[in-house]
Amino acid sequence: MNDHYLRCVETDRTTLVQLGVVLGALAIDPDTGTVSAPGGAWDEIGHKPDWQTGLPICDPHGVPYWHANLRTPVDLRAVATALAPTHLAIAAGLAVEGRYFVVDAAGAAVPPAYPARVFL
């Protein structure tokens, strides 16, 4: 299983979810619009307060981030890299490292220092 810690400004939530669908890690129920992670787990956290200030964690422009956790059997980096040349949304998501998926310089998922919730 692969654990990923996702974040984006709330206006990009739909794009993040659609990216997860294209990568094969997320599914959207056509009747209810409910997001799920087939074979894994999807945990929408929403806005997360900074543990020191209690204020929402924000991007450099002061816009609050929306957070979610994803556990998936899909190797997102491998699938995204393979699809990027033909899928502009994936290429754009990869071009801005950490825009949606919190990763280190090598592209490995990095857990937050102070997670809101963790998978057990």
N, C-alpha and C. Protein backbone atom coordinates (compact mmCIF):
# COMPACT_ATOMS: atom_id res chain seq x y z
N MET A 1 0.84 -1.19 0.00
CA MET A 1 0.00 0.00 0.00
C MET A 1 0.88 1.24 0.00
N ASN A 2 0.37 2.26 -0.61
CA ASN A 2 1.05 3.55 -0.68
C ASN A 2 0.20 4.60 0.02
N ASP A 3 0.82 5.32 0.95
CA ASP A 3 0.12 6.40 1.65
C ASP A 3 0.53 7.73 1.06
N HIS A 4 -0.45 8.58 0.82
CA HIS A 4 -0.20 9.91 0.27
C HIS A 4 -0.96 10.93 1.09
N TYR A 5 -0.35 12.09 1.22
CA TYR A 5 -0.90 13.18 2.00
C TYR A 5 -1.16 14.30 1.01
N LEU A 6 -2.41 14.57 0.75
CA LEU A 6 -2.81 15.46 -0.32
C LEU A 6 -3.21 16.81 0.23
N ARG A 7 -2.92 17.83 -0.55
CA ARG A 7 -3.36 19.17 -0.17
C ARG A 7 -3.46 20.01 -1.42
N CYS A 8 -4.37 20.96 -1.35
CA CYS A 8 -4.54 21.94 -2.42
C CYS A 8 -5.40 23.06 -1.86
N VAL A 9 -5.44 24.17 -2.56
CA VAL A 9 -6.40 25.19 -2.14
C VAL A 9 -7.77 24.62 -2.48
N GLU A 10 -8.78 25.00 -1.73
CA GLU A 10 -10.09 24.37 -1.87
C GLU A 10 -10.66 24.48 -3.28
N THR A 11 -10.34 25.56 -3.98
CA THR A 11 -10.86 25.70 -5.35
C THR A 11 -10.25 24.67 -6.30
N ASP A 12 -9.14 24.02 -5.91
CA ASP A 12 -8.52 22.98 -6.73
C ASP A 12 -8.91 21.57 -6.31
N ARG A 13 -9.82 21.44 -5.32
CA ARG A 13 -10.22 20.12 -4.84
C ARG A 13 -10.74 19.23 -5.97
N THR A 14 -11.61 19.76 -6.80
CA THR A 14 -12.17 18.97 -7.90
C THR A 14 -11.08 18.49 -8.83
N THR A 15 -10.11 19.34 -9.12
CA THR A 15 -9.00 18.96 -9.99
C THR A 15 -8.17 17.85 -9.35
N LEU A 16 -7.91 17.96 -8.05
CA LEU A 16 -7.15 16.94 -7.35
C LEU A 16 -7.88 15.60 -7.42
N VAL A 17 -9.18 15.59 -7.16
CA VAL A 17 -9.96 14.36 -7.20
C VAL A 17 -9.96 13.78 -8.62
N GLN A 18 -10.15 14.61 -9.62
CA GLN A 18 -10.13 14.12 -11.00
C GLN A 18 -8.77 13.55 -11.37
N LEU A 19 -7.71 14.16 -10.87
CA LEU A 19 -6.36 13.63 -11.09
C LEU A 19 -6.25 12.23 -10.48
N GLY A 20 -6.78 12.06 -9.27
CA GLY A 20 -6.78 10.75 -8.64
C GLY A 20 -7.58 9.72 -9.42
N VAL A 21 -8.68 10.14 -10.05
CA VAL A 21 -9.48 9.24 -10.89
C VAL A 21 -8.68 8.82 -12.11
N VAL A 22 -8.06 9.78 -12.79
CA VAL A 22 -7.27 9.47 -13.98
C VAL A 22 -6.11 8.53 -13.64
N LEU A 23 -5.52 8.71 -12.46
CA LEU A 23 -4.40 7.86 -12.05
C LEU A 23 -4.87 6.48 -11.59
N GLY A 24 -6.17 6.28 -11.44
CA GLY A 24 -6.70 4.99 -11.04
C GLY A 24 -6.74 4.76 -9.54
N ALA A 25 -6.52 5.80 -8.75
CA ALA A 25 -6.51 5.65 -7.29
C ALA A 25 -7.83 6.03 -6.65
N LEU A 26 -8.65 6.84 -7.34
CA LEU A 26 -9.93 7.28 -6.80
C LEU A 26 -11.06 6.95 -7.75
N ALA A 27 -12.25 6.84 -7.19
CA ALA A 27 -13.46 6.64 -7.97
C ALA A 27 -14.53 7.58 -7.42
N ILE A 28 -15.44 7.99 -8.30
CA ILE A 28 -16.55 8.86 -7.89
C ILE A 28 -17.84 8.12 -8.20
N ASP A 29 -18.68 7.94 -7.18
CA ASP A 29 -19.97 7.30 -7.39
C ASP A 29 -20.83 8.22 -8.24
N PRO A 30 -21.32 7.74 -9.39
CA PRO A 30 -22.10 8.61 -10.29
C PRO A 30 -23.43 9.07 -9.71
N ASP A 31 -23.98 8.33 -8.76
CA ASP A 31 -25.27 8.70 -8.18
C ASP A 31 -25.15 9.69 -7.02
N THR A 32 -24.12 9.51 -6.20
CA THR A 32 -24.00 10.33 -5.00
C THR A 32 -22.85 11.35 -5.06
N GLY A 33 -21.90 11.13 -5.97
CA GLY A 33 -20.74 12.00 -6.04
C GLY A 33 -19.70 11.68 -4.96
N THR A 34 -19.92 10.61 -4.22
CA THR A 34 -19.01 10.22 -3.15
C THR A 34 -17.69 9.74 -3.73
N VAL A 35 -16.59 10.23 -3.15
CA VAL A 35 -15.25 9.83 -3.57
C VAL A 35 -14.82 8.64 -2.73
N SER A 36 -14.19 7.65 -3.38
CA SER A 36 -13.65 6.49 -2.66
C SER A 36 -12.32 6.09 -3.29
N ALA A 37 -11.60 5.24 -2.59
CA ALA A 37 -10.31 4.73 -3.07
C ALA A 37 -10.41 3.22 -3.18
N PRO A 38 -10.74 2.69 -4.36
CA PRO A 38 -10.88 1.24 -4.51
C PRO A 38 -9.63 0.49 -4.05
N GLY A 39 -9.84 -0.48 -3.15
CA GLY A 39 -8.73 -1.26 -2.63
C GLY A 39 -7.89 -0.53 -1.60
N GLY A 40 -8.33 0.68 -1.22
CA GLY A 40 -7.56 1.47 -0.27
C GLY A 40 -8.48 2.26 0.64
N ALA A 41 -8.07 3.47 0.97
CA ALA A 41 -8.88 4.31 1.86
C ALA A 41 -8.71 5.78 1.48
N TRP A 42 -9.81 6.52 1.59
CA TRP A 42 -9.85 7.95 1.28
C TRP A 42 -10.37 8.66 2.51
N ASP A 43 -9.60 9.60 3.04
CA ASP A 43 -9.97 10.31 4.26
C ASP A 43 -9.88 11.81 4.01
N GLU A 44 -11.03 12.44 3.77
CA GLU A 44 -11.06 13.89 3.57
C GLU A 44 -10.97 14.58 4.92
N ILE A 45 -9.99 15.43 5.08
CA ILE A 45 -9.78 16.15 6.33
C ILE A 45 -10.35 17.56 6.24
N GLY A 46 -10.19 18.19 5.09
CA GLY A 46 -10.65 19.57 4.93
C GLY A 46 -9.57 20.53 5.36
N HIS A 47 -9.96 21.65 5.94
CA HIS A 47 -8.98 22.63 6.40
C HIS A 47 -8.36 22.11 7.69
N LYS A 48 -7.07 22.29 7.81
CA LYS A 48 -6.34 21.78 8.96
C LYS A 48 -5.68 22.95 9.69
N PRO A 49 -5.93 23.10 10.99
CA PRO A 49 -5.31 24.21 11.71
C PRO A 49 -3.84 23.96 12.01
N ASP A 50 -3.07 25.02 11.98
CA ASP A 50 -1.68 24.96 12.41
C ASP A 50 -1.67 24.63 13.90
N TRP A 51 -0.87 23.70 14.31
CA TRP A 51 -0.90 23.24 15.70
C TRP A 51 -0.44 24.32 16.68
N GLN A 52 0.32 25.31 16.20
CA GLN A 52 0.80 26.36 17.11
C GLN A 52 -0.17 27.53 17.20
N THR A 53 -0.74 27.93 16.07
CA THR A 53 -1.58 29.14 16.06
C THR A 53 -3.07 28.84 16.09
N GLY A 54 -3.44 27.63 15.65
CA GLY A 54 -4.86 27.30 15.55
C GLY A 54 -5.51 27.84 14.29
N LEU A 55 -4.75 28.61 13.50
CA LEU A 55 -5.26 29.15 12.24
C LEU A 55 -5.08 28.14 11.12
N PRO A 56 -5.91 28.18 10.07
CA PRO A 56 -5.75 27.23 8.97
C PRO A 56 -4.36 27.35 8.33
N ILE A 57 -3.83 26.21 7.91
CA ILE A 57 -2.57 26.19 7.17
C ILE A 57 -2.86 26.71 5.78
N CYS A 58 -2.04 27.67 5.32
CA CYS A 58 -2.32 28.37 4.06
C CYS A 58 -1.18 28.26 3.07
N ASP A 59 -1.50 28.51 1.81
CA ASP A 59 -0.48 28.59 0.77
C ASP A 59 0.26 29.93 0.92
N PRO A 60 1.28 30.18 0.09
CA PRO A 60 2.03 31.43 0.22
C PRO A 60 1.21 32.70 0.03
N HIS A 61 0.01 32.56 -0.55
CA HIS A 61 -0.86 33.72 -0.79
C HIS A 61 -1.91 33.89 0.31
N GLY A 62 -1.84 33.06 1.35
CA GLY A 62 -2.77 33.17 2.46
C GLY A 62 -4.08 32.43 2.25
N VAL A 63 -4.16 31.60 1.20
CA VAL A 63 -5.38 30.84 0.93
C VAL A 63 -5.29 29.50 1.67
N PRO A 64 -6.29 29.16 2.50
CA PRO A 64 -6.23 27.91 3.25
C PRO A 64 -6.15 26.67 2.35
N TYR A 65 -5.31 25.74 2.78
CA TYR A 65 -5.22 24.45 2.09
C TYR A 65 -6.37 23.56 2.53
N TRP A 66 -6.79 22.68 1.63
CA TRP A 66 -7.75 21.61 1.89
C TRP A 66 -6.92 20.34 1.91
N HIS A 67 -7.11 19.46 2.89
CA HIS A 67 -6.27 18.27 3.08
C HIS A 67 -7.08 16.99 2.97
N ALA A 68 -6.41 15.93 2.52
CA ALA A 68 -6.98 14.59 2.49
C ALA A 68 -5.83 13.59 2.60
N ASN A 69 -6.15 12.40 3.09
CA ASN A 69 -5.19 11.30 3.12
C ASN A 69 -5.68 10.23 2.15
N LEU A 70 -4.74 9.59 1.47
CA LEU A 70 -5.07 8.54 0.51
C LEU A 70 -4.17 7.34 0.75
N ARG A 71 -4.76 6.18 0.93
CA ARG A 71 -4.03 4.91 0.95
C ARG A 71 -4.49 4.14 -0.28
N THR A 72 -3.53 3.74 -1.11
CA THR A 72 -3.88 3.10 -2.37
C THR A 72 -2.85 2.05 -2.77
N PRO A 73 -3.30 1.00 -3.45
CA PRO A 73 -2.34 0.04 -3.98
C PRO A 73 -1.65 0.58 -5.24
N VAL A 74 -2.13 1.68 -5.77
CA VAL A 74 -1.59 2.25 -7.01
C VAL A 74 -0.29 3.01 -6.72
N ASP A 75 0.74 2.75 -7.51
CA ASP A 75 1.98 3.52 -7.42
C ASP A 75 1.75 4.80 -8.23
N LEU A 76 1.29 5.84 -7.55
CA LEU A 76 0.88 7.06 -8.24
C LEU A 76 2.00 7.70 -9.05
N ARG A 77 3.19 7.72 -8.52
CA ARG A 77 4.32 8.34 -9.23
C ARG A 77 4.59 7.61 -10.54
N ALA A 78 4.60 6.29 -10.50
CA ALA A 78 4.87 5.50 -11.70
C ALA A 78 3.78 5.71 -12.75
N VAL A 79 2.51 5.65 -12.32
CA VAL A 79 1.40 5.84 -13.26
C VAL A 79 1.41 7.26 -13.82
N ALA A 80 1.61 8.25 -12.95
CA ALA A 80 1.62 9.64 -13.40
C ALA A 80 2.75 9.90 -14.39
N THR A 81 3.91 9.36 -14.12
CA THR A 81 5.05 9.55 -15.03
C THR A 81 4.76 8.91 -16.38
N ALA A 82 4.15 7.74 -16.38
CA ALA A 82 3.83 7.05 -17.64
C ALA A 82 2.77 7.80 -18.44
N LEU A 83 1.79 8.40 -17.74
CA LEU A 83 0.69 9.07 -18.43
C LEU A 83 0.97 10.54 -18.78
N ALA A 84 1.93 11.15 -18.11
CA ALA A 84 2.16 12.60 -18.26
C ALA A 84 2.33 13.06 -19.70
N PRO A 85 3.06 12.35 -20.56
CA PRO A 85 3.23 12.86 -21.93
C PRO A 85 1.92 13.02 -22.71
N THR A 86 0.88 12.26 -22.35
CA THR A 86 -0.37 12.33 -23.10
C THR A 86 -1.53 12.94 -22.32
N HIS A 87 -1.34 13.22 -21.05
CA HIS A 87 -2.40 13.80 -20.21
C HIS A 87 -1.92 15.13 -19.64
N LEU A 88 -2.44 16.21 -20.16
CA LEU A 88 -1.98 17.53 -19.74
C LEU A 88 -2.23 17.81 -18.27
N ALA A 89 -3.35 17.34 -17.71
CA ALA A 89 -3.65 17.58 -16.30
C ALA A 89 -2.60 16.92 -15.41
N ILE A 90 -2.18 15.73 -15.79
CA ILE A 90 -1.17 15.04 -15.00
C ILE A 90 0.17 15.75 -15.14
N ALA A 91 0.50 16.12 -16.36
CA ALA A 91 1.76 16.84 -16.59
C ALA A 91 1.78 18.13 -15.79
N ALA A 92 0.67 18.84 -15.75
CA ALA A 92 0.60 20.10 -14.98
C ALA A 92 0.73 19.82 -13.49
N GLY A 93 0.09 18.75 -13.01
CA GLY A 93 0.19 18.40 -11.59
C GLY A 93 1.59 18.01 -11.19
N LEU A 94 2.31 17.33 -12.09
CA LEU A 94 3.68 16.94 -11.81
C LEU A 94 4.65 18.10 -11.94
N ALA A 95 4.32 19.05 -12.80
CA ALA A 95 5.21 20.18 -13.04
C ALA A 95 5.37 21.04 -11.80
N VAL A 96 4.35 21.09 -10.97
CA VAL A 96 4.42 21.86 -9.74
C VAL A 96 4.53 20.87 -8.60
N GLU A 97 5.76 20.43 -8.31
CA GLU A 97 5.96 19.42 -7.27
C GLU A 97 5.29 19.86 -5.97
N GLY A 98 4.54 18.96 -5.38
CA GLY A 98 3.90 19.26 -4.11
C GLY A 98 2.62 20.06 -4.22
N ARG A 99 2.17 20.37 -5.43
CA ARG A 99 0.93 21.13 -5.55
C ARG A 99 -0.25 20.35 -4.98
N TYR A 100 -0.29 19.07 -5.28
CA TYR A 100 -1.37 18.22 -4.77
C TYR A 100 -0.85 17.14 -3.83
N PHE A 101 0.26 16.56 -4.18
CA PHE A 101 0.84 15.46 -3.42
C PHE A 101 2.06 15.99 -2.68
N VAL A 102 2.07 15.83 -1.36
CA VAL A 102 3.20 16.32 -0.58
C VAL A 102 4.33 15.31 -0.73
N VAL A 103 5.42 15.75 -1.38
CA VAL A 103 6.55 14.88 -1.69
C VAL A 103 7.87 15.56 -1.34
N ASP A 104 8.92 14.72 -1.25
CA ASP A 104 10.26 15.27 -1.04
C ASP A 104 10.93 15.50 -2.40
N ALA A 105 12.19 15.87 -2.38
CA ALA A 105 12.91 16.18 -3.62
C ALA A 105 12.99 14.98 -4.57
N ALA A 106 12.94 13.77 -4.03
CA ALA A 106 13.00 12.56 -4.86
C ALA A 106 11.62 12.11 -5.33
N GLY A 107 10.57 12.82 -4.92
CA GLY A 107 9.22 12.45 -5.34
C GLY A 107 8.54 11.45 -4.43
N ALA A 108 9.16 11.12 -3.29
CA ALA A 108 8.55 10.18 -2.34
C ALA A 108 7.56 10.92 -1.45
N ALA A 109 6.45 10.25 -1.14
CA ALA A 109 5.43 10.86 -0.27
C ALA A 109 6.03 11.15 1.10
N VAL A 110 5.70 12.33 1.62
CA VAL A 110 6.19 12.76 2.93
C VAL A 110 5.00 13.02 3.84
N PRO A 111 4.98 12.36 5.00
CA PRO A 111 3.88 12.64 5.92
C PRO A 111 4.05 14.01 6.55
N PRO A 112 2.95 14.65 6.91
CA PRO A 112 3.06 15.95 7.59
C PRO A 112 3.71 15.78 8.97
N ALA A 113 4.38 16.83 9.41
CA ALA A 113 5.02 16.79 10.74
C ALA A 113 3.97 16.60 11.83
N TYR A 114 2.80 17.21 11.64
CA TYR A 114 1.72 17.12 12.63
C TYR A 114 0.44 16.71 11.89
N PRO A 115 0.29 15.38 11.66
CA PRO A 115 -0.89 14.92 10.93
C PRO A 115 -2.18 15.12 11.71
N ALA A 116 -3.24 15.43 10.98
CA ALA A 116 -4.56 15.55 11.61
C ALA A 116 -5.08 14.17 11.99
N ARG A 117 -4.87 13.21 11.09
CA ARG A 117 -5.27 11.81 11.32
C ARG A 117 -4.28 10.93 10.58
N VAL A 118 -4.12 9.72 11.04
CA VAL A 118 -3.23 8.76 10.39
C VAL A 118 -3.98 7.45 10.14
N PHE A 119 -3.50 6.69 9.17
CA PHE A 119 -4.04 5.35 8.95
C PHE A 119 -3.36 4.40 9.92
N LEU A 120 -4.12 3.49 10.52
CA LEU A 120 -3.54 2.52 11.46
C LEU A 120 -3.29 1.23 10.77
